[in-house]
Protein backbone atom coordinates (compact mmCIF):
# COMPACT_ATOMS: atom_id res chain seq x y z
CA UNK A 1 1.38 8.14 -1.38
CA UNK A 2 4.83 7.04 -0.29
CA UNK A 3 7.76 9.14 -1.11
CA UNK A 4 10.55 6.66 -2.08
CA UNK A 5 13.07 9.34 -2.55
CA UNK A 6 11.98 11.21 0.75
CA UNK A 7 12.14 8.02 2.78
CA UNK A 8 14.69 5.75 1.28
CA UNK A 9 17.09 8.39 -0.01
CA UNK A 10 16.72 10.66 2.92
CA UNK A 11 15.43 13.62 0.85
CA UNK A 12 13.14 14.72 3.69
CA UNK A 13 13.45 14.80 7.45
CA UNK A 14 10.57 14.96 10.03
CA UNK A 15 11.66 18.49 10.89
CA UNK A 16 11.01 19.74 7.38
CA UNK A 17 7.21 18.99 8.14
CA UNK A 18 7.26 20.29 11.62
CA UNK A 19 8.65 23.65 10.42
CA UNK A 20 5.38 24.31 9.11
CA UNK A 21 3.25 23.13 11.93
CA UNK A 22 2.24 20.12 9.50
CA UNK A 23 -0.90 22.28 8.49
CA UNK A 24 -1.86 21.66 4.88
CA UNK A 25 -2.50 25.10 4.02
CA UNK A 26 1.29 26.05 4.89
CA UNK A 27 3.01 22.93 3.75
CA UNK A 28 4.90 22.89 0.48
CA UNK A 29 3.41 20.49 -1.98
CA UNK A 30 6.25 17.96 -1.53
CA UNK A 31 5.38 17.81 2.11
CA UNK A 32 1.58 17.59 1.94
CA UNK A 33 1.53 13.74 2.57
CA UNK A 34 2.90 14.62 6.14
CA UNK A 35 0.07 17.17 7.21
CA UNK A 36 -1.74 16.55 10.33
CA UNK A 37 -5.12 18.06 9.46
CA UNK A 38 -5.74 15.79 6.43
CA UNK A 39 -7.75 18.45 4.54
CA UNK A 40 -8.62 16.57 1.39
CA UNK A 41 -7.00 16.81 -1.81
CA UNK A 42 -10.01 16.80 -4.14
CA UNK A 43 -9.81 15.13 -7.55
CA UNK A 44 -12.47 16.55 -9.94
CA UNK A 45 -12.85 14.21 -12.72
CA UNK A 46 -14.19 17.18 -14.71
CA UNK A 47 -15.27 15.35 -17.65
CA UNK A 48 -16.03 11.77 -18.75
CA UNK A 49 -14.86 12.76 -22.46
CA UNK A 50 -11.51 11.58 -23.74
CA UNK A 51 -9.47 11.45 -26.98
CA UNK A 52 -7.92 8.07 -26.26
CA UNK A 53 -9.38 4.60 -25.77
CA UNK A 54 -7.22 3.24 -22.88
CA UNK A 55 -7.72 -0.35 -21.86
CA UNK A 56 -7.26 0.34 -18.19
CA UNK A 57 -9.48 3.55 -17.97
CA UNK A 58 -11.19 3.62 -14.51
CA UNK A 59 -13.56 6.47 -15.57
CA UNK A 60 -14.97 4.59 -18.59
CA UNK A 61 -14.22 7.48 -20.65
CA UNK A 62 -16.44 8.40 -23.78
CA UNK A 63 -16.03 10.14 -27.08
CA UNK A 64 -14.38 13.52 -26.87
CA UNK A 65 -17.28 15.42 -28.61
CA UNK A 66 -20.30 16.21 -26.51
CA UNK A 67 -21.34 18.32 -23.46
CA UNK A 68 -20.22 18.08 -19.83
CA UNK A 69 -22.82 17.90 -16.95
CA UNK A 70 -21.08 20.59 -14.88
CA UNK A 71 -20.89 24.05 -16.35
CA UNK A 72 -17.99 26.62 -15.96
CA UNK A 73 -20.02 28.69 -13.39
CA UNK A 74 -20.97 25.58 -11.37
CA UNK A 75 -17.28 24.53 -11.44
CA UNK A 76 -16.37 27.85 -9.96
CA UNK A 77 -19.06 27.47 -7.19
CA UNK A 78 -17.33 24.16 -6.36
CA UNK A 79 -13.94 25.79 -6.06
CA UNK A 80 -15.46 28.53 -3.87
CA UNK A 81 -16.71 25.81 -1.41
CA UNK A 82 -13.58 23.84 -1.49
CA UNK A 83 -11.33 27.03 -1.06
CA UNK A 84 -13.30 28.13 2.09
CA UNK A 85 -13.29 24.35 3.35
CA UNK A 86 -9.30 24.52 3.29
CA UNK A 87 -8.87 21.76 0.67
CA UNK A 88 -5.24 22.57 -0.29
CA UNK A 89 -5.27 21.12 -3.98
CA UNK A 90 -7.58 20.84 -6.75
CA UNK A 91 -6.52 18.00 -9.19
CA UNK A 92 -8.26 18.35 -12.56
CA UNK A 93 -8.57 14.96 -14.14
CA UNK A 94 -11.02 13.14 -16.56
CA UNK A 95 -11.49 11.53 -18.75
CA UNK A 96 -9.02 13.80 -20.39
CA UNK A 97 -9.38 17.32 -18.70
CA UNK A 98 -7.84 19.15 -21.67
CA UNK A 99 -10.88 18.38 -23.81
CA UNK A 100 -12.80 20.80 -21.64
CA UNK A 101 -12.19 24.37 -23.28
CA UNK A 102 -12.67 25.95 -19.85
CA UNK A 103 -9.91 23.99 -18.08
CA UNK A 104 -7.51 26.95 -18.21
CA UNK A 105 -10.26 29.19 -16.75
CA UNK A 106 -11.11 26.91 -14.01
CA UNK A 107 -7.50 26.22 -13.12
CA UNK A 108 -6.83 30.01 -12.95
CA UNK A 109 -9.93 30.54 -10.65
CA UNK A 110 -8.65 27.81 -8.31
CA UNK A 111 -5.34 29.43 -8.11
CA UNK A 112 -6.90 32.78 -7.50
CA UNK A 113 -8.65 31.22 -4.33
CA UNK A 114 -5.27 30.09 -2.96
CA UNK A 115 -5.55 26.69 -3.97
CA UNK A 116 -2.83 24.60 -5.78
CA UNK A 117 -4.07 23.60 -9.25
CA UNK A 118 -2.91 20.30 -10.72
CA UNK A 119 -3.80 18.22 -13.77
CA UNK A 120 -3.54 14.75 -14.54
CA UNK A 121 -3.39 14.08 -18.31
CA UNK A 122 -2.54 11.82 -21.04
CA UNK A 123 -0.53 14.64 -22.40
CA UNK A 124 -1.29 14.44 -26.13
CA UNK A 125 -3.22 17.74 -26.14
CA UNK A 126 -0.47 19.80 -24.55
CA UNK A 127 0.59 22.12 -27.47
CA UNK A 128 3.21 24.73 -27.04
CA UNK A 129 0.29 27.25 -26.83
CA UNK A 130 -1.72 25.23 -24.26
CA UNK A 131 1.49 24.84 -21.97
CA UNK A 132 1.81 28.76 -22.15
CA UNK A 133 -1.59 29.16 -21.06
CA UNK A 134 -1.25 26.55 -18.31
CA UNK A 135 1.90 28.16 -17.02
CA UNK A 136 0.29 31.54 -17.15
CA UNK A 137 -2.40 30.60 -14.65
CA UNK A 138 0.07 29.43 -11.95
CA UNK A 139 -0.43 25.73 -12.37
CA UNK A 140 1.54 23.83 -9.85
CA UNK A 141 2.13 20.49 -11.82
CA UNK A 142 1.24 18.44 -14.66
CA UNK A 143 1.23 14.61 -14.40
CA UNK A 144 1.45 12.88 -17.74
CA UNK A 145 0.56 9.27 -18.00
CA UNK A 146 2.89 6.73 -19.67
CA UNK A 147 2.55 2.99 -19.67
CA UNK A 148 6.06 2.03 -20.83
CA UNK A 149 8.03 2.40 -24.01
CA UNK A 150 6.33 3.41 -27.33
CA UNK A 151 5.00 0.13 -28.37
CA UNK A 152 3.49 -0.80 -24.84
CA UNK A 153 2.07 2.74 -24.37
CA UNK A 154 0.40 2.96 -27.77
CA UNK A 155 -1.18 -0.64 -27.28
CA UNK A 156 -2.51 0.55 -23.96
CA UNK A 157 -3.85 3.85 -25.13
CA UNK A 158 -5.46 2.37 -28.14
CA UNK A 159 -4.34 5.11 -30.62
CA UNK A 160 -1.05 4.93 -32.69
CA UNK A 161 1.26 7.87 -31.98
CA UNK A 162 0.00 8.74 -28.57
CA UNK A 163 3.33 8.03 -26.96
CA UNK A 164 5.12 10.54 -29.28
CA UNK A 165 2.48 13.11 -28.74
CA UNK A 166 2.65 12.48 -24.83
CA UNK A 167 6.40 13.14 -25.12
CA UNK A 168 5.74 16.26 -26.99
CA UNK A 169 3.50 17.42 -24.27
CA UNK A 170 6.22 16.71 -21.58
CA UNK A 171 8.67 18.74 -23.67
CA UNK A 172 6.14 21.63 -24.21
CA UNK A 173 5.62 21.77 -20.39
CA UNK A 174 9.31 21.86 -19.83
CA UNK A 175 9.83 24.64 -22.38
CA UNK A 176 7.44 26.79 -20.46
CA UNK A 177 9.02 26.18 -17.12
CA UNK A 178 5.95 24.03 -15.97
CA UNK A 179 6.74 21.29 -13.26
CA UNK A 180 5.84 18.14 -15.11
CA UNK A 181 6.14 14.28 -14.03
CA UNK A 182 5.34 11.00 -15.20
CA UNK A 183 2.55 8.65 -14.05
CA UNK A 184 2.65 4.86 -14.45
CA UNK A 185 0.29 2.25 -13.46
CA UNK A 186 1.75 -1.05 -12.58
CA UNK A 187 0.16 -4.08 -13.85
CA UNK A 188 0.91 -7.56 -15.25
CA UNK A 189 1.31 -6.26 -18.73
CA UNK A 190 3.83 -3.53 -18.11
CA UNK A 191 5.56 -3.73 -14.69
CA UNK A 192 8.81 -5.06 -16.30
CA UNK A 193 9.08 -1.59 -18.09
CA UNK A 194 9.67 0.25 -14.88
CA UNK A 195 13.51 0.82 -16.09
CA UNK A 196 12.15 2.24 -19.25
CA UNK A 197 10.37 4.86 -17.07
CA UNK A 198 13.58 5.77 -15.22
CA UNK A 199 15.50 5.93 -18.51
CA UNK A 200 12.77 8.49 -19.67
CA UNK A 201 13.25 10.42 -16.46
CA UNK A 202 16.99 10.72 -17.29
CA UNK A 203 16.67 11.46 -21.02
CA UNK A 204 13.84 13.88 -20.64
CA UNK A 205 15.40 15.49 -17.65
CA UNK A 206 11.95 15.16 -15.72
CA UNK A 207 12.06 15.73 -11.98
CA UNK A 208 9.20 13.53 -10.72
CA UNK A 209 7.50 10.05 -11.33
CA UNK A 210 4.60 8.51 -9.64
CA UNK A 211 4.21 4.72 -9.77
CA UNK A 212 0.54 3.70 -9.13
CA UNK A 213 -0.42 0.34 -7.88
CA UNK A 214 -3.65 -1.11 -9.50
CA UNK A 215 -6.78 -0.32 -7.72
CA UNK A 216 -9.96 -2.34 -8.55
CA UNK A 217 -13.47 -1.78 -7.19
CA UNK A 218 -16.78 -3.30 -7.74
CA UNK A 219 -17.68 -6.96 -7.34
CA UNK A 220 -16.33 -9.12 -10.04
CA UNK A 221 -13.74 -6.44 -11.30
CA UNK A 222 -11.94 -7.69 -14.39
CA UNK A 223 -8.80 -5.69 -13.14
CA UNK A 224 -8.17 -8.09 -10.42
CA UNK A 225 -6.70 -10.42 -13.04
CA UNK A 226 -4.52 -7.58 -13.96
CA UNK A 227 -2.76 -7.07 -10.51
CA UNK A 228 0.61 -8.29 -9.75
CA UNK A 229 1.29 -11.11 -7.55
CA UNK A 230 2.71 -10.45 -4.06
CA UNK A 231 6.14 -11.75 -5.12
CA UNK A 232 6.06 -9.57 -8.29
CA UNK A 233 5.02 -6.54 -6.04
CA UNK A 234 7.88 -6.95 -3.75
CA UNK A 235 10.30 -7.24 -6.72
CA UNK A 236 8.98 -4.04 -8.33
CA UNK A 237 9.13 -2.05 -5.24
CA UNK A 238 12.73 -3.16 -4.58
CA UNK A 239 13.54 -2.12 -8.20
CA UNK A 240 11.87 1.23 -7.82
CA UNK A 241 14.10 1.73 -4.50
CA UNK A 242 17.19 0.63 -6.45
CA UNK A 243 16.59 2.78 -9.52
CA UNK A 244 15.81 5.93 -7.31
CA UNK A 245 19.15 5.25 -5.28
CA UNK A 246 21.15 4.96 -8.41
CA UNK A 247 19.90 8.28 -9.57
CA UNK A 248 20.56 10.07 -6.40
CA UNK A 249 23.99 8.41 -6.29
CA UNK A 250 24.78 9.59 -9.82
CA UNK A 251 23.87 13.26 -8.79
CA UNK A 252 20.56 13.12 -10.71
CA UNK A 253 18.01 12.86 -7.84
CA UNK A 254 14.45 12.62 -8.77
CA UNK A 255 11.08 12.67 -6.67
CA UNK A 256 9.91 9.24 -6.84
CA UNK A 257 6.67 8.19 -5.20
CA UNK A 258 4.56 5.00 -5.08
CA UNK A 259 0.75 5.30 -4.90
CA UNK A 260 -2.33 3.38 -3.80
CA UNK A 261 -0.63 0.64 -1.77
CA UNK A 262 0.56 1.67 1.64
CA UNK A 263 2.34 -1.51 2.46
CA UNK A 264 5.00 0.10 0.59
CA UNK A 265 5.71 2.31 3.69
CA UNK A 266 6.42 -0.71 6.01
CA UNK A 267 8.37 -2.31 3.16
CA UNK A 268 10.69 0.60 2.83
CA UNK A 269 11.13 0.78 6.56
CA UNK A 270 11.92 -2.99 6.80
CA UNK A 271 14.55 -2.67 4.20
CA UNK A 272 15.99 0.54 5.87
CA UNK A 273 16.21 -1.44 9.10
CA UNK A 274 18.58 -3.90 7.35
CA UNK A 275 20.64 -1.26 5.59
CA UNK A 276 20.63 1.84 7.80
CA UNK A 277 19.01 1.33 11.18
CA UNK A 278 19.53 5.06 12.29
CA UNK A 279 17.74 6.34 9.08
CA UNK A 280 15.04 3.79 9.88
CA UNK A 281 14.02 5.55 12.78
CA UNK A 282 13.37 8.71 10.92
CA UNK A 283 11.48 6.86 8.24
CA UNK A 284 9.26 5.44 10.84
CA UNK A 285 8.44 8.85 12.13
CA UNK A 286 7.70 10.28 8.67
CA UNK A 287 5.40 7.25 8.02
CA UNK A 288 3.48 7.93 11.21
CA UNK A 289 3.03 11.45 10.03
CA UNK A 290 1.70 10.12 6.84
CA UNK A 291 -0.84 7.68 8.24
CA UNK A 292 -1.22 5.68 5.28
CA UNK A 293 -4.33 5.41 3.06
CA UNK A 294 -6.62 8.43 3.32
CA UNK A 295 -9.54 7.68 1.13
CA UNK A 296 -12.58 9.48 2.51
CA UNK A 297 -10.28 11.52 4.86
CA UNK A 298 -7.32 13.06 3.04
CA UNK A 299 -8.34 12.53 -0.54
CA UNK A 300 -11.81 12.83 -2.12
CA UNK A 301 -13.41 12.67 -5.48
CA UNK A 302 -15.90 14.60 -7.44
CA UNK A 303 -17.29 12.74 -10.52
CA UNK A 304 -18.20 14.42 -13.84
CA UNK A 305 -21.78 14.46 -12.83
CA UNK A 306 -21.07 15.85 -9.29
CA UNK A 307 -21.16 12.86 -7.29
CA UNK A 308 -18.91 12.65 -4.23
CA UNK A 309 -16.81 9.59 -3.73
CA UNK A 310 -14.12 8.54 -1.15
CA UNK A 311 -11.42 8.48 -3.97
CA UNK A 312 -11.32 8.59 -7.74
CA UNK A 313 -11.36 4.67 -7.96
CA UNK A 314 -13.96 3.69 -5.63
CA UNK A 315 -17.27 4.72 -7.56
CA UNK A 316 -19.66 2.29 -6.33
CA UNK A 317 -20.33 4.19 -3.27
CA UNK A 318 -21.73 7.68 -3.46
CA UNK A 319 -22.14 10.11 -0.51
CA UNK A 320 -23.95 13.10 -2.12
CA UNK A 321 -23.82 15.42 -5.12
CA UNK A 322 -22.19 18.88 -5.16
CA UNK A 323 -24.90 20.17 -7.42
CA UNK A 324 -27.35 19.58 -4.60
CA UNK A 325 -25.20 20.19 -1.64
CA UNK A 326 -21.65 21.61 -0.98
CA UNK A 327 -18.74 19.15 -0.83
CA UNK A 328 -17.70 20.53 2.57
CA UNK A 329 -21.18 19.80 4.04
CA UNK A 330 -21.19 16.31 2.49
CA UNK A 331 -17.48 15.46 3.51
CA UNK A 332 -18.14 16.45 7.19
CA UNK A 333 -21.73 14.84 7.54
CA UNK A 334 -21.42 12.25 10.34
CA UNK A 335 -24.74 10.69 9.39
CA UNK A 336 -23.30 9.25 6.16
CA UNK A 337 -22.13 5.95 7.85
CA UNK A 338 -19.53 4.91 5.46
CA UNK A 339 -17.79 8.21 5.19
CA UNK A 340 -17.83 8.59 8.82
CA UNK A 341 -16.14 5.25 9.37
CA UNK A 342 -13.50 5.87 6.80
CA UNK A 343 -12.26 8.78 8.75
CA UNK A 344 -11.38 6.26 11.70
CA UNK A 345 -11.15 3.08 9.62
CA UNK A 346 -8.49 1.48 11.71
CA UNK A 347 -11.19 0.73 14.27
CA UNK A 348 -13.28 -1.18 11.79
CA UNK A 349 -10.84 -3.23 9.46
CA UNK A 350 -10.68 -6.83 9.82
CA UNK A 351 -8.66 -9.82 8.76
CA UNK A 352 -4.93 -9.58 8.65
CA UNK A 353 -5.15 -5.61 8.64
CA UNK A 354 -6.61 -5.79 12.31
CA UNK A 355 -3.76 -7.83 13.65
CA UNK A 356 -1.01 -5.94 11.61
CA UNK A 357 1.66 -4.16 13.81
CA UNK A 358 1.83 -1.39 10.92
CA UNK A 359 -1.89 -0.64 10.76
CA UNK A 360 -1.32 2.88 12.35
CA UNK A 361 1.32 3.68 9.45
CA UNK A 362 -0.50 1.81 6.63
CA UNK A 363 -4.07 2.83 7.47
CA UNK A 364 -5.50 -0.40 6.58
CA UNK A 365 -4.91 0.21 2.89
CA UNK A 366 -7.54 0.30 0.01
CA UNK A 367 -11.14 -0.71 1.20
CA UNK A 368 -12.09 -0.51 -2.55
CA UNK A 369 -9.79 -3.62 -3.18
CA UNK A 370 -11.08 -5.49 -0.15
CA UNK A 371 -14.70 -5.02 -1.21
CA UNK A 372 -13.93 -6.04 -4.79
CA UNK A 373 -11.98 -9.19 -3.78
CA UNK A 374 -13.85 -10.35 -0.73
CA UNK A 375 -17.28 -8.62 -0.99
CA UNK A 376 -16.55 -6.96 2.40
CA UNK A 377 -15.58 -3.27 2.77
CA UNK A 378 -13.63 -4.11 6.07
CA UNK A 379 -11.90 -7.23 5.00
CA UNK A 380 -7.99 -7.29 4.51
CA UNK A 381 -6.52 -5.76 1.40
CA UNK A 382 -5.76 -8.57 -0.95
CA UNK A 383 -2.87 -6.53 -2.50
CA UNK A 384 -0.93 -6.23 0.78
CA UNK A 385 2.22 -8.21 0.17
CA UNK A 386 3.74 -8.25 3.62
CA UNK A 387 4.39 -11.63 5.00
CA UNK A 388 2.78 -12.90 8.35
CA UNK A 389 5.94 -12.83 9.91
CA UNK A 390 6.67 -9.16 8.99
CA UNK A 391 3.31 -7.95 10.33
CA UNK A 392 3.26 -9.96 13.45
CA UNK A 393 3.02 -7.90 16.60
CA UNK A 394 5.77 -8.22 19.31
């Protein structure tokens, strides 16, 4: 997670994170990416059920009717363990988490255990009543996914009217004082609609947007074909920086982040070196705090069936099951070779990553993409768009 507004627009200084000792349990949510203990933010894909039929669903969601494999009481036991372990955030996802009737109860339970509760949703089920319930349990944030304007979004989501219902969900959250933001996954079909998302931020008066790079996992993944070229990626990251700066200069600052390609960090730094060398020094310090990709260290995933993964996209490697063994025990088990190596992956990566001057602030990027593309977990990330000249060590 790279904070474009924090880095490029100077919204955060290193002293802001140091003020809290960089401890995840004490840091405000907007500074969590700079924590030093890297206690994992845990994504719980609490259901595989969904009311939409998205073409890009990483969870391969199924019909909204049916039963879930983890009960409410088992969910509370999972939350008990995560709270005691020190995980700062519980991110409820799916499928579509709002198809679970116990979402509000479980989110309330997480906040009662001093965890931040967040949901990632398609937004279509957030009625006025549901927004009121979510506000009442102290939910920290609602991330609502959009894929562009109405025509593009409805085509992606496979259900006519899903765009309008998502926008209604945004408005209902706002009406109840819930912090809400937009989520947008970049791919070949929609990357030119980034300006549309920024226009929606202005029109809807939404304070935050996350732009996700595409993550593909598993041998022969069809999603590889949907990813942007390196040149397209550079263009869109520049566009995101330009749009973020324009909003800040116009007196409408927004929190803008890019997610799932930590080459963005060095790219922001290199641009800042050209534009403001003094600010670039501060950007570099913050990126060193961030440490880049944290799959298997600063982020983890629990699937709808209890399986534990390094992150929510990389599901072809499983480290255990929380219905059989607590997440905390699985996460810290040094006998699980891959999980143990991911906590120190800079020592294991190969290819361009191993020789890159920015490895300490990128973290070797996504091993899932390397495995999908090269059939080698420790190969270079094929989505790194930095040139050989840019990454060359002095």
